Structures are given as C-alpha cells and as structure tokens.
Amino acid sequence: MAGGDPVSTLGQAAVDYVAVRRALGYKLRGHDRLLADFVDHLERVGVGTVTTAMAVAWATAPAGVSSARWAQRLSVVRGFARHLRCSDPATEVPPADALIGERRRPTARLFTDDEIAALVTAASALQPALRAATYQTLFGLLAVSGLRVGEAIRLDRGDVDIEAGIVTIDDTKFRKHRRLPLHPTTVAALTDYVEIRERVCPFPKSPAFFVSTRGTRLQDVCVHKAFNRIVATAGLDQQPQDARPRVHGFRHSFAVATLAGWYREGADAVTMLPVLSAYLGHADPAYTYWYLQASPELLGLAAERLDRWEQQR
C-alpha cells in the first residue's frame, strides 16, 4: 500500500474497518482479534497487502479444528478485503468457495427436571458464598427462561425489574429487544440473590446484575468453567451414552419442555411456535426448530396428537 509502512497501515485499516462496521450495527465479536492476528501473519512473511494465498494459509493454520472454523476465519478476511479493495486495488478478495466448511450441529444434551435441580444444587456448594449464589441463580434463570448465556451475563441491574417480574433484553442477537415475564418463584430466587449480592458486595465495580467475587461482570469463559465443575459435582459427566452437557443445553431444554407442555395441554403447537420464537429472541420461527431436539417424551406426545387427528378424519 502506498505511503508509510505497509504493515502498520494495514493494521490501522483493519482497526478502522471493524470500527466502521460496528458503527453500522454489526457486532463482529472477535473480528478485531482475528484481523490483528492476520495482519501479524502478513508482517511475519513480509507481505504488505491481502492476497488469496496468504488468507487461505492463515485461515487453515490452526491444527485440530474443523473445516467450518477454517471457513469462518477466511470469511472474516474476505469482509476486510472487500472493504480494503476500495482504497487498494492490489487487494485480492478470496472467493467465497475457497474453503468450504461443513457445519455439523452438535447433539444437544436435554436436561431433565431432576438434572437441572442437581446442577443448581451443585452450584450452591461453590465457594465463596457470593460465587455460589451467583452461579446457582444464573443457571436457574437460564433453565426457566431460555436466555442465551451472553444475554444473562450482559444483564445490568436496571434490566431486572423485581417488582414487576420482568427482565428486559436489549440489543441482542438478530438485533432483538424483548421483555420477558418471570414466574413468581423465579422472582423470589432473583430477590434472594439481590439481597446476598448487596450484603456481600455492596460496592460492585460493575452495574451487572450477576457479579463475580470481585464485583465485576461475569466472563463467558468463567461461566463455562464453573458449569463444567458443577457438572462433575452433579455426576452428569459420568454418562458417556449421552451428549456432553453444555450450558446451552438449558436453552435447548427450555424450548423442548415448552413445546411438550403445549402438546400435553392440547394446544396447537404449530400455531404457538412463533410465540416461543419471539420469547427466545429469534428473528424467524425457522431458527427455533434448531432447538426442538427430539426427546422420547416429545416424540410420544406428537405421535398421540397424530393418532387423535387421524381418528377424527
């Protein structure tokens, strides 16, 4: 690129690209880190502009990851390259089919009511007391609300209206904003947590609703580490015939349990599906089908509904 050091100029261009895209409303989580790594790769090999060969080499560098991950890394560079080519005609935009990644949807582990109770109980044994209360309440809320983990840890205190029993989710995936009503028992659990949080951590460093023992907002990686620990404590990791328990399993389980409840009540589950989709924060009911994993109970209820329908024909 003309003018100045090409690598530093390219690095600044990457920073500017991410800033512009985010200003337009795109979240681009992790893109700044990936592009910085890509620019460092170009610097190490002495290349001052984006080429297809360099992009593919960088995208496929991590060993032991899926082809989908390689394709995802390349797509980050493709977006940057399209932006960069407007000012640097020498930039090569890697073709969309340069790397084809096959995404395999992981099998979801659906939690039973007893397993959810066991996980929440295991969380209560964490130390110190604030950590136990935080994760016990967090995982309990995920189980009964279907919130995404990221949505829950981004909640601020002002987003949780204890008196009204409403949780407000702002600027989340698909740019959805929604207000979720909570069951009285959930409100009671959140009230208990607020009392513990304010007593143990009266001057937190963050406005977050769920805080760490240092008074800061929870980090995603810490949440997953805590979850893996309580899974082991609850003994759920000792069942090799089942899929590995994941935090996201709370959301899957909520969706399936909701649909099963409608079947049991005799409601028209197909007509009600958009309601579940809106509650989960999906832009389209088609996305909700990803969460409706087959379970023996759900299959049985669907079969009973089909039998009744055929008898009434």
C-alpha atoms as a PDB file:
ATOM      1  CA  MET A   1       0.000   0.000   0.000  1.00  0.00           C
ATOM      2  CA  ALA A   2       1.245   3.474  -0.814  1.00  0.00           C
ATOM      3  CA  GLY A   3       2.590   5.733   1.889  1.00  0.00           C
ATOM      4  CA  GLY A   4       4.155   4.811   5.204  1.00  0.00           C
ATOM      5  CA  ASP A   5       4.932   1.352   6.478  1.00  0.00           C
ATOM      6  CA  PRO A   6       2.607  -1.129   4.714  1.00  0.00           C
ATOM      7  CA  VAL A   7       2.081  -3.354   7.703  1.00  0.00           C
ATOM      8  CA  SER A   8       1.238  -0.587  10.157  1.00  0.00           C
ATOM      9  CA  THR A   9      -1.039   0.960   7.540  1.00  0.00           C
ATOM     10  CA  LEU A  10      -2.747  -2.388   7.021  1.00  0.00           C
ATOM     11  CA  GLY A  11      -3.159  -2.797  10.745  1.00  0.00           C
ATOM     12  CA  GLN A  12      -4.786   0.613  11.054  1.00  0.00           C
ATOM     13  CA  ALA A  13      -7.044  -0.234   8.114  1.00  0.00           C
ATOM     14  CA  ALA A  14      -8.205  -3.347   9.979  1.00  0.00           C
ATOM     15  CA  VAL A  15      -8.982  -1.273  13.082  1.00  0.00           C
ATOM     16  CA  ASP A  16     -10.879   1.269  11.004  1.00  0.00           C
ATOM     17  CA  TYR A  17     -12.824  -1.455   9.176  1.00  0.00           C
ATOM     18  CA  VAL A  18     -14.069  -3.032  12.404  1.00  0.00           C
ATOM     19  CA  ALA A  19     -14.964   0.383  13.845  1.00  0.00           C
ATOM     20  CA  VAL A  20     -16.991   1.355  10.772  1.00  0.00           C
ATOM     21  CA  ARG A  21     -18.856  -1.952  10.659  1.00  0.00           C
ATOM     22  CA  ARG A  22     -19.694  -1.780  14.361  1.00  0.00           C
ATOM     23  CA  ALA A  23     -20.907   1.793  13.938  1.00  0.00           C
ATOM     24  CA  LEU A  24     -23.340   0.426  11.341  1.00  0.00           C
ATOM     25  CA  GLY A  25     -24.732  -2.007  13.906  1.00  0.00           C
ATOM     26  CA  TYR A  26     -22.701  -5.156  13.219  1.00  0.00           C
ATOM     27  CA  LYS A  27     -21.344  -6.784  16.371  1.00  0.00           C
ATOM     28  CA  LEU A  28     -18.354  -8.565  14.752  1.00  0.00           C
ATOM     29  CA  ARG A  29     -17.370 -10.220  18.013  1.00  0.00           C
ATOM     30  CA  GLY A  30     -13.781 -11.379  17.858  1.00  0.00           C
ATOM     31  CA  HIS A  31     -13.133  -9.927  14.398  1.00  0.00           C
ATOM     32  CA  ASP A  32     -10.670  -7.349  15.736  1.00  0.00           C
ATOM     33  CA  ARG A  33      -8.601 -10.081  17.372  1.00  0.00           C
ATOM     34  CA  LEU A  34      -8.658 -12.300  14.282  1.00  0.00           C
ATOM     35  CA  LEU A  35      -7.740  -9.473  11.903  1.00  0.00           C
ATOM     36  CA  ALA A  36      -4.909  -8.361  14.178  1.00  0.00           C
ATOM     37  CA  ASP A  37      -3.579 -11.912  14.072  1.00  0.00           C
ATOM     38  CA  PHE A  38      -3.931 -11.981  10.292  1.00  0.00           C
ATOM     39  CA  VAL A  39      -2.029  -8.700   9.925  1.00  0.00           C
ATOM     40  CA  ASP A  40       0.710 -10.090  12.200  1.00  0.00           C
ATOM     41  CA  HIS A  41       0.879 -13.129   9.907  1.00  0.00           C
ATOM     42  CA  LEU A  42       1.400 -10.872   6.876  1.00  0.00           C
ATOM     43  CA  GLU A  43       4.081  -8.962   8.751  1.00  0.00           C
ATOM     44  CA  ARG A  44       5.971 -12.120   9.613  1.00  0.00           C
ATOM     45  CA  VAL A  45       6.101 -13.234   5.972  1.00  0.00           C
ATOM     46  CA  GLY A  46       6.794  -9.735   4.669  1.00  0.00           C
ATOM     47  CA  VAL A  47       3.616  -9.252   2.628  1.00  0.00           C
ATOM     48  CA  GLY A  48       2.070  -5.786   2.592  1.00  0.00           C
ATOM     49  CA  THR A  49      -1.384  -6.476   1.185  1.00  0.00           C
ATOM     50  CA  VAL A  50      -4.080  -9.126   1.270  1.00  0.00           C
ATOM     51  CA  THR A  51      -3.770 -11.999  -1.175  1.00  0.00           C
ATOM     52  CA  THR A  52      -5.891 -15.100  -1.546  1.00  0.00           C
ATOM     53  CA  ALA A  53      -2.913 -17.377  -0.938  1.00  0.00           C
ATOM     54  CA  MET A  54      -1.963 -15.601   2.300  1.00  0.00           C
ATOM     55  CA  ALA A  55      -5.574 -15.522   3.504  1.00  0.00           C
ATOM     56  CA  VAL A  56      -6.074 -19.242   2.927  1.00  0.00           C
ATOM     57  CA  ALA A  57      -2.724 -20.088   4.525  1.00  0.00           C
ATOM     58  CA  TRP A  58      -3.616 -18.089   7.627  1.00  0.00           C
ATOM     59  CA  ALA A  59      -7.196 -19.396   7.810  1.00  0.00           C
ATOM     60  CA  THR A  60      -6.059 -23.035   7.711  1.00  0.00           C
ATOM     61  CA  ALA A  61      -3.115 -22.587  10.096  1.00  0.00           C
ATOM     62  CA  PRO A  62      -4.824 -23.815  13.299  1.00  0.00           C
ATOM     63  CA  ALA A  63      -4.462 -27.579  13.565  1.00  0.00           C
ATOM     64  CA  GLY A  64      -7.087 -29.842  15.061  1.00  0.00           C
ATOM     65  CA  VAL A  65     -10.063 -27.601  14.287  1.00  0.00           C
ATOM     66  CA  SER A  66     -12.997 -28.197  11.968  1.00  0.00           C
ATOM     67  CA  SER A  67     -13.154 -27.124   8.342  1.00  0.00           C
ATOM     68  CA  ALA A  68     -16.065 -24.905   9.388  1.00  0.00           C
ATOM     69  CA  ARG A  69     -13.713 -22.986  11.681  1.00  0.00           C
ATOM     70  CA  TRP A  70     -11.254 -22.515   8.801  1.00  0.00           C
ATOM     71  CA  ALA A  71     -14.057 -21.233   6.579  1.00  0.00           C
ATOM     72  CA  GLN A  72     -15.193 -18.870   9.320  1.00  0.00           C
ATOM     73  CA  ARG A  73     -11.692 -17.420   9.681  1.00  0.00           C
ATOM     74  CA  LEU A  74     -11.471 -16.886   5.931  1.00  0.00           C
ATOM     75  CA  SER A  75     -14.849 -15.143   5.866  1.00  0.00           C
ATOM     76  CA  VAL A  76     -13.514 -12.573   8.348  1.00  0.00           C
ATOM     77  CA  VAL A  77     -10.637 -11.806   5.989  1.00  0.00           C
ATOM     78  CA  ARG A  78     -12.989 -11.684   2.977  1.00  0.00           C
ATOM     79  CA  GLY A  79     -15.063  -8.938   4.584  1.00  0.00           C
ATOM     80  CA  PHE A  80     -11.954  -6.942   5.384  1.00  0.00           C
ATOM     81  CA  ALA A  81     -10.551  -7.482   1.884  1.00  0.00           C
ATOM     82  CA  ARG A  82     -13.736  -6.216   0.216  1.00  0.00           C
ATOM     83  CA  HIS A  83     -13.508  -3.071   2.326  1.00  0.00           C
ATOM     84  CA  LEU A  84      -9.790  -2.641   1.680  1.00  0.00           C
ATOM     85  CA  ARG A  85     -10.037  -3.059  -2.081  1.00  0.00           C
ATOM     86  CA  CYS A  86     -11.903   0.244  -2.361  1.00  0.00           C
ATOM     87  CA  SER A  87      -8.660   2.067  -1.488  1.00  0.00           C
ATOM     88  CA  ASP A  88      -6.107  -0.549  -2.551  1.00  0.00           C
ATOM     89  CA  PRO A  89      -6.794  -2.136  -5.975  1.00  0.00           C
ATOM     90  CA  ALA A  90      -3.961  -4.617  -5.357  1.00  0.00           C
ATOM     91  CA  THR A  91      -6.011  -6.306  -2.651  1.00  0.00           C
ATOM     92  CA  GLU A  92      -7.262  -9.769  -3.559  1.00  0.00           C
ATOM     93  CA  VAL A  93     -10.667 -10.820  -2.240  1.00  0.00           C
ATOM     94  CA  PRO A  94     -10.626 -14.582  -1.579  1.00  0.00           C
ATOM     95  CA  PRO A  95     -13.502 -16.324  -3.401  1.00  0.00           C
ATOM     96  CA  ALA A  96     -16.394 -17.482  -1.268  1.00  0.00           C
ATOM     97  CA  ASP A  97     -15.777 -21.119  -2.166  1.00  0.00           C
ATOM     98  CA  ALA A  98     -12.043 -21.056  -1.425  1.00  0.00           C
ATOM     99  CA  LEU A  99     -12.761 -23.006   1.754  1.00  0.00           C
ATOM    100  CA  ILE A 100     -15.955 -24.977   2.230  1.00  0.00           C
ATOM    101  CA  GLY A 101     -16.720 -25.767   5.823  1.00  0.00           C
ATOM    102  CA  GLU A 102     -19.221 -28.437   6.749  1.00  0.00           C
ATOM    103  CA  ARG A 103     -21.038 -27.372   9.885  1.00  0.00           C
ATOM    104  CA  ARG A 104     -22.215 -30.252  11.965  1.00  0.00           C
ATOM    105  CA  ARG A 105     -24.727 -29.385  14.554  1.00  0.00           C
ATOM    106  CA  PRO A 106     -23.671 -30.828  17.911  1.00  0.00           C
ATOM    107  CA  THR A 107     -26.194 -33.122  19.533  1.00  0.00           C
ATOM    108  CA  ALA A 108     -27.847 -31.235  22.351  1.00  0.00           C
ATOM    109  CA  ARG A 109     -27.994 -32.719  25.823  1.00  0.00           C
ATOM    110  CA  LEU A 110     -31.505 -32.146  27.152  1.00  0.00           C
ATOM    111  CA  PHE A 111     -31.696 -31.824  30.917  1.00  0.00           C
ATOM    112  CA  THR A 112     -34.471 -33.420  32.929  1.00  0.00           C
ATOM    113  CA  ASP A 113     -36.031 -31.530  35.825  1.00  0.00           C
ATOM    114  CA  ASP A 114     -34.056 -33.704  38.250  1.00  0.00           C
ATOM    115  CA  GLU A 115     -30.794 -32.969  36.445  1.00  0.00           C
ATOM    116  CA  ILE A 116     -31.457 -29.233  36.481  1.00  0.00           C
ATOM    117  CA  ALA A 117     -32.166 -29.447  40.212  1.00  0.00           C
ATOM    118  CA  ALA A 118     -28.914 -31.377  40.679  1.00  0.00           C
ATOM    119  CA  LEU A 119     -26.929 -28.764  38.756  1.00  0.00           C
ATOM    120  CA  VAL A 120     -28.403 -25.882  40.745  1.00  0.00           C
ATOM    121  CA  THR A 121     -27.716 -27.749  43.998  1.00  0.00           C
ATOM    122  CA  ALA A 122     -24.126 -28.411  42.924  1.00  0.00           C
ATOM    123  CA  ALA A 123     -23.688 -24.707  42.177  1.00  0.00           C
ATOM    124  CA  SER A 124     -24.752 -23.853  45.713  1.00  0.00           C
ATOM    125  CA  ALA A 125     -21.701 -25.753  47.001  1.00  0.00           C
ATOM    126  CA  LEU A 126     -19.222 -23.425  45.266  1.00  0.00           C
ATOM    127  CA  GLN A 127     -17.049 -21.165  47.369  1.00  0.00           C
ATOM    128  CA  PRO A 128     -17.177 -18.395  48.470  1.00  0.00           C
ATOM    129  CA  ALA A 129     -20.828 -17.689  49.200  1.00  0.00           C
ATOM    130  CA  LEU A 130     -21.250 -14.954  46.562  1.00  0.00           C
ATOM    131  CA  ARG A 131     -19.860 -17.209  43.830  1.00  0.00           C
ATOM    132  CA  ALA A 132     -22.253 -19.962  44.868  1.00  0.00           C
ATOM    133  CA  ALA A 133     -25.243 -17.604  44.899  1.00  0.00           C
ATOM    134  CA  THR A 134     -24.279 -16.071  41.543  1.00  0.00           C
ATOM    135  CA  TYR A 135     -23.976 -19.343  39.651  1.00  0.00           C
ATOM    136  CA  GLN A 136     -26.888 -21.003  41.399  1.00  0.00           C
ATOM    137  CA  THR A 137     -29.147 -18.109  40.394  1.00  0.00           C
ATOM    138  CA  LEU A 138     -27.636 -17.710  36.918  1.00  0.00           C
ATOM    139  CA  PHE A 139     -28.066 -21.355  35.945  1.00  0.00           C
ATOM    140  CA  GLY A 140     -31.515 -21.435  37.471  1.00  0.00           C
ATOM    141  CA  LEU A 141     -32.543 -18.404  35.422  1.00  0.00           C
ATOM    142  CA  LEU A 142     -31.161 -19.961  32.224  1.00  0.00           C
ATOM    143  CA  ALA A 143     -33.163 -23.109  32.884  1.00  0.00           C
ATOM    144  CA  VAL A 144     -36.524 -21.350  33.344  1.00  0.00           C
ATOM    145  CA  SER A 145     -36.176 -18.514  30.844  1.00  0.00           C
ATOM    146  CA  GLY A 146     -34.329 -19.907  27.824  1.00  0.00           C
ATOM    147  CA  LEU A 147     -31.985 -16.915  27.829  1.00  0.00           C
ATOM    148  CA  ARG A 148     -28.702 -17.144  25.974  1.00  0.00           C
ATOM    149  CA  VAL A 149     -25.699 -17.210  28.300  1.00  0.00           C
ATOM    150  CA  GLY A 150     -24.405 -13.977  26.802  1.00  0.00           C
ATOM    151  CA  GLU A 151     -27.754 -12.267  27.354  1.00  0.00           C
ATOM    152  CA  ALA A 152     -27.812 -13.284  31.012  1.00  0.00           C
ATOM    153  CA  ILE A 153     -24.307 -12.095  31.856  1.00  0.00           C
ATOM    154  CA  ARG A 154     -24.893  -8.812  29.996  1.00  0.00           C
ATOM    155  CA  LEU A 155     -27.915  -8.008  32.161  1.00  0.00           C
ATOM    156  CA  ASP A 156     -27.491  -4.852  34.227  1.00  0.00           C
ATOM    157  CA  ARG A 157     -29.322  -4.269  37.478  1.00  0.00           C
ATOM    158  CA  GLY A 158     -31.708  -1.892  35.718  1.00  0.00           C
ATOM    159  CA  ASP A 159     -32.686  -4.649  33.277  1.00  0.00           C
ATOM    160  CA  VAL A 160     -34.209  -6.782  36.037  1.00  0.00           C
ATOM    161  CA  ASP A 161     -37.415  -5.317  37.439  1.00  0.00           C
ATOM    162  CA  ILE A 162     -38.004  -7.381  40.550  1.00  0.00           C
ATOM    163  CA  GLU A 163     -41.281  -5.660  41.476  1.00  0.00           C
ATOM    164  CA  ALA A 164     -42.808  -6.103  38.014  1.00  0.00           C
ATOM    165  CA  GLY A 165     -41.269  -9.547  37.487  1.00  0.00           C
ATOM    166  CA  ILE A 166     -39.834  -8.505  34.110  1.00  0.00           C
ATOM    167  CA  VAL A 167     -36.412  -8.967  32.539  1.00  0.00           C
ATOM    168  CA  THR A 168     -35.529  -6.659  29.650  1.00  0.00           C
ATOM    169  CA  ILE A 169     -33.142  -7.919  26.969  1.00  0.00           C
ATOM    170  CA  ASP A 170     -31.698  -5.158  24.776  1.00  0.00           C
ATOM    171  CA  ASP A 171     -29.638  -5.186  21.576  1.00  0.00           C
ATOM    172  CA  THR A 172     -29.103  -8.929  21.454  1.00  0.00           C
ATOM    173  CA  LYS A 173     -28.650 -11.381  18.593  1.00  0.00           C
ATOM    174  CA  PHE A 174     -30.688 -10.531  15.464  1.00  0.00           C
ATOM    175  CA  ARG A 175     -30.991  -7.003  16.994  1.00  0.00           C
ATOM    176  CA  LYS A 176     -33.966  -8.157  19.018  1.00  0.00           C
ATOM    177  CA  HIS A 177     -35.293  -6.317  22.052  1.00  0.00           C
ATOM    178  CA  ARG A 178     -37.722  -8.114  24.312  1.00  0.00           C
ATOM    179  CA  ARG A 179     -39.268  -8.066  27.784  1.00  0.00           C
ATOM    180  CA  LEU A 180     -39.731 -11.428  29.442  1.00  0.00           C
ATOM    181  CA  PRO A 181     -42.248 -12.056  32.241  1.00  0.00           C
ATOM    182  CA  LEU A 182     -40.965 -14.256  35.042  1.00  0.00           C
ATOM    183  CA  HIS A 183     -42.719 -16.794  37.247  1.00  0.00           C
ATOM    184  CA  PRO A 184     -43.171 -15.718  40.908  1.00  0.00           C
ATOM    185  CA  THR A 185     -40.768 -18.453  42.059  1.00  0.00           C
ATOM    186  CA  THR A 186     -38.106 -17.078  39.703  1.00  0.00           C
ATOM    187  CA  VAL A 187     -38.725 -13.564  41.010  1.00  0.00           C
ATOM    188  CA  ALA A 188     -38.284 -14.877  44.555  1.00  0.00           C
ATOM    189  CA  ALA A 189     -34.967 -16.507  43.638  1.00  0.00           C
ATOM    190  CA  LEU A 190     -33.723 -13.306  41.998  1.00  0.00           C
ATOM    191  CA  THR A 191     -34.807 -11.316  45.060  1.00  0.00           C
ATOM    192  CA  ASP A 192     -32.805 -13.627  47.328  1.00  0.00           C
ATOM    193  CA  TYR A 193     -29.769 -13.220  45.094  1.00  0.00           C
ATOM    194  CA  VAL A 194     -30.013  -9.418  45.150  1.00  0.00           C
ATOM    195  CA  GLU A 195     -30.060  -9.493  48.964  1.00  0.00           C
ATOM    196  CA  ILE A 196     -26.934 -11.668  49.081  1.00  0.00           C
ATOM    197  CA  ARG A 197     -25.152  -9.616  46.418  1.00  0.00           C
ATOM    198  CA  GLU A 198     -25.839  -6.316  48.150  1.00  0.00           C
ATOM    199  CA  ARG A 199     -24.806  -7.681  51.538  1.00  0.00           C
ATOM    200  CA  VAL A 200     -21.573  -9.346  50.395  1.00  0.00           C
ATOM    201  CA  CYS A 201     -20.668  -6.883  47.611  1.00  0.00           C
ATOM    202  CA  PRO A 202     -22.281  -3.526  48.463  1.00  0.00           C
ATOM    203  CA  PHE A 203     -19.967  -1.546  46.147  1.00  0.00           C
ATOM    204  CA  PRO A 204     -19.533  -3.572  42.930  1.00  0.00           C
ATOM    205  CA  LYS A 205     -17.225  -2.374  40.168  1.00  0.00           C
ATOM    206  CA  SER A 206     -19.817  -3.112  37.510  1.00  0.00           C
ATOM    207  CA  PRO A 207     -23.530  -2.352  37.021  1.00  0.00           C
ATOM    208  CA  ALA A 208     -24.006  -6.018  36.075  1.00  0.00           C
ATOM    209  CA  PHE A 209     -26.841  -7.941  37.710  1.00  0.00           C
ATOM    210  CA  PHE A 210     -24.685 -11.067  38.082  1.00  0.00           C
ATOM    211  CA  VAL A 211     -21.267 -10.246  39.530  1.00  0.00           C
ATOM    212  CA  SER A 212     -18.071 -12.111  40.277  1.00  0.00           C
ATOM    213  CA  THR A 213     -16.489 -12.233  43.725  1.00  0.00           C
ATOM    214  CA  ARG A 214     -14.517  -9.118  42.696  1.00  0.00           C
ATOM    215  CA  GLY A 215     -17.679  -7.221  41.854  1.00  0.00           C
ATOM    216  CA  THR A 216     -17.068  -7.359  38.104  1.00  0.00           C
ATOM    217  CA  ARG A 217     -19.245  -8.641  35.283  1.00  0.00           C
ATOM    218  CA  LEU A 218     -19.025 -12.379  34.676  1.00  0.00           C
ATOM    219  CA  GLN A 219     -16.889 -13.530  31.757  1.00  0.00           C
ATOM    220  CA  ASP A 220     -18.161 -16.173  29.360  1.00  0.00           C
ATOM    221  CA  VAL A 221     -15.111 -18.385  29.833  1.00  0.00           C
ATOM    222  CA  CYS A 222     -15.528 -18.300  33.630  1.00  0.00           C
ATOM    223  CA  VAL A 223     -19.191 -19.257  33.338  1.00  0.00           C
ATOM    224  CA  HIS A 224     -18.313 -22.309  31.252  1.00  0.00           C
ATOM    225  CA  LYS A 225     -15.559 -23.333  33.677  1.00  0.00           C
ATOM    226  CA  ALA A 226     -17.962 -23.085  36.601  1.00  0.00           C
ATOM    227  CA  PHE A 227     -20.570 -25.065  34.670  1.00  0.00           C
ATOM    228  CA  ASN A 228     -18.099 -27.852  33.887  1.00  0.00           C
ATOM    229  CA  ARG A 229     -17.202 -28.020  37.559  1.00  0.00           C
ATOM    230  CA  ILE A 230     -20.773 -28.360  38.763  1.00  0.00           C
ATOM    231  CA  VAL A 231     -21.482 -30.914  36.018  1.00  0.00           C
ATOM    232  CA  ALA A 232     -18.720 -33.056  37.500  1.00  0.00           C
ATOM    233  CA  THR A 233     -20.015 -32.479  41.033  1.00  0.00           C
ATOM    234  CA  ALA A 234     -23.524 -33.485  39.977  1.00  0.00           C
ATOM    235  CA  GLY A 235     -22.161 -36.603  38.271  1.00  0.00           C
ATOM    236  CA  LEU A 236     -23.603 -35.742  34.861  1.00  0.00           C
ATOM    237  CA  ASP A 237     -20.230 -36.168  33.148  1.00  0.00           C
ATOM    238  CA  GLN A 238     -20.222 -39.870  34.019  1.00  0.00           C
ATOM    239  CA  GLN A 239     -22.839 -40.792  31.429  1.00  0.00           C
ATOM    240  CA  PRO A 240     -20.887 -41.489  28.190  1.00  0.00           C
ATOM    241  CA  GLN A 241     -24.023 -42.625  26.344  1.00  0.00           C
ATOM    242  CA  ASP A 242     -25.343 -39.062  26.413  1.00  0.00           C
ATOM    243  CA  ALA A 243     -24.086 -35.945  24.655  1.00  0.00           C
ATOM    244  CA  ARG A 244     -21.672 -33.805  26.649  1.00  0.00           C
ATOM    245  CA  PRO A 245     -23.558 -31.382  28.916  1.00  0.00           C
ATOM    246  CA  ARG A 246     -23.234 -27.780  27.761  1.00  0.00           C
ATOM    247  CA  VAL A 247     -24.502 -24.521  29.222  1.00  0.00           C
ATOM    248  CA  HIS A 248     -26.508 -24.028  26.031  1.00  0.00           C
ATOM    249  CA  GLY A 249     -28.369 -27.206  26.960  1.00  0.00           C
ATOM    250  CA  PHE A 250     -30.519 -25.111  29.307  1.00  0.00           C
ATOM    251  CA  ARG A 251     -31.873 -23.209  26.295  1.00  0.00           C
ATOM    252  CA  HIS A 252     -32.490 -26.394  24.297  1.00  0.00           C
ATOM    253  CA  SER A 253     -34.222 -27.992  27.260  1.00  0.00           C
ATOM    254  CA  PHE A 254     -36.428 -24.939  27.810  1.00  0.00           C
ATOM    255  CA  ALA A 255     -37.571 -24.945  24.178  1.00  0.00           C
ATOM    256  CA  VAL A 256     -38.383 -28.664  24.153  1.00  0.00           C
ATOM    257  CA  ALA A 257     -40.108 -28.534  27.552  1.00  0.00           C
ATOM    258  CA  THR A 258     -42.257 -25.609  26.387  1.00  0.00           C
ATOM    259  CA  LEU A 259     -43.339 -27.442  23.248  1.00  0.00           C
ATOM    260  CA  ALA A 260     -44.027 -30.626  25.210  1.00  0.00           C
ATOM    261  CA  GLY A 261     -46.147 -28.627  27.643  1.00  0.00           C
ATOM    262  CA  TRP A 262     -48.276 -27.303  24.801  1.00  0.00           C
ATOM    263  CA  TYR A 263     -48.788 -30.820  23.482  1.00  0.00           C
ATOM    264  CA  ARG A 264     -49.893 -32.030  26.910  1.00  0.00           C
ATOM    265  CA  GLU A 265     -52.315 -29.117  27.241  1.00  0.00           C
ATOM    266  CA  GLY A 266     -53.818 -29.826  23.832  1.00  0.00           C
ATOM    267  CA  ALA A 267     -52.664 -26.510  22.366  1.00  0.00           C
ATOM    268  CA  ASP A 268     -51.827 -26.126  18.691  1.00  0.00           C
ATOM    269  CA  ALA A 269     -48.040 -26.279  18.953  1.00  0.00           C
ATOM    270  CA  VAL A 270     -47.532 -25.233  15.329  1.00  0.00           C
ATOM    271  CA  THR A 271     -49.594 -22.080  15.806  1.00  0.00           C
ATOM    272  CA  MET A 272     -47.873 -21.334  19.115  1.00  0.00           C
ATOM    273  CA  LEU A 273     -44.356 -21.768  17.734  1.00  0.00           C
ATOM    274  CA  PRO A 274     -43.988 -18.064  16.780  1.00  0.00           C
ATOM    275  CA  VAL A 275     -44.688 -17.213  20.442  1.00  0.00           C
ATOM    276  CA  LEU A 276     -41.791 -19.414  21.552  1.00  0.00           C
ATOM    277  CA  SER A 277     -39.657 -17.942  18.783  1.00  0.00           C
ATOM    278  CA  ALA A 278     -40.355 -14.402  19.995  1.00  0.00           C
ATOM    279  CA  TYR A 279     -39.661 -15.370  23.611  1.00  0.00           C
ATOM    280  CA  LEU A 280     -36.313 -16.887  22.632  1.00  0.00           C
ATOM    281  CA  GLY A 281     -35.417 -13.801  20.610  1.00  0.00           C
ATOM    282  CA  HIS A 282     -35.310 -15.405  17.185  1.00  0.00           C
ATOM    283  CA  ALA A 283     -35.772 -13.341  14.024  1.00  0.00           C
ATOM    284  CA  ASP A 284     -37.743 -16.140  12.376  1.00  0.00           C
ATOM    285  CA  PRO A 285     -39.502 -19.283  13.721  1.00  0.00           C
ATOM    286  CA  ALA A 286     -37.262 -21.307  11.408  1.00  0.00           C
ATOM    287  CA  TYR A 287     -34.384 -20.654  13.805  1.00  0.00           C
ATOM    288  CA  THR A 288     -36.420 -22.113  16.661  1.00  0.00           C
ATOM    289  CA  TYR A 289     -36.523 -25.518  15.003  1.00  0.00           C
ATOM    290  CA  TRP A 290     -32.829 -25.838  15.832  1.00  0.00           C
ATOM    291  CA  TYR A 291     -33.793 -26.053  19.487  1.00  0.00           C
ATOM    292  CA  LEU A 292     -36.621 -28.541  19.158  1.00  0.00           C
ATOM    293  CA  GLN A 293     -34.484 -31.618  19.621  1.00  0.00           C
ATOM    294  CA  ALA A 294     -36.339 -34.899  19.610  1.00  0.00           C
ATOM    295  CA  SER A 295     -36.872 -36.455  23.010  1.00  0.00           C
ATOM    296  CA  PRO A 296     -38.790 -39.625  23.883  1.00  0.00           C
ATOM    297  CA  GLU A 297     -41.495 -37.574  25.615  1.00  0.00           C
ATOM    298  CA  LEU A 298     -41.830 -35.105  22.758  1.00  0.00           C
ATOM    299  CA  LEU A 299     -41.988 -37.839  20.145  1.00  0.00           C
ATOM    300  CA  GLY A 300     -44.611 -39.665  22.159  1.00  0.00           C
ATOM    301  CA  LEU A 301     -46.761 -36.573  22.567  1.00  0.00           C
ATOM    302  CA  ALA A 302     -46.505 -35.793  18.856  1.00  0.00           C
ATOM    303  CA  ALA A 303     -47.475 -39.372  17.991  1.00  0.00           C
ATOM    304  CA  GLU A 304     -50.510 -39.195  20.283  1.00  0.00           C
ATOM    305  CA  ARG A 305     -51.591 -35.935  18.633  1.00  0.00           C
ATOM    306  CA  LEU A 306     -51.250 -37.526  15.183  1.00  0.00           C
ATOM    307  CA  ASP A 307     -53.273 -40.583  16.251  1.00  0.00           C
ATOM    308  CA  ARG A 308     -56.113 -38.393  17.548  1.00  0.00           C
ATOM    309  CA  TRP A 309     -56.104 -36.343  14.372  1.00  0.00           C
ATOM    310  CA  GLU A 310     -56.304 -39.451  12.177  1.00  0.00           C
ATOM    311  CA  GLN A 311     -59.166 -40.877  14.261  1.00  0.00           C
ATOM    312  CA  GLN A 312     -61.142 -37.675  13.810  1.00  0.00           C
ATOM    313  CA  ARG A 313     -60.769 -37.683   9.997  1.00  0.00           C
END
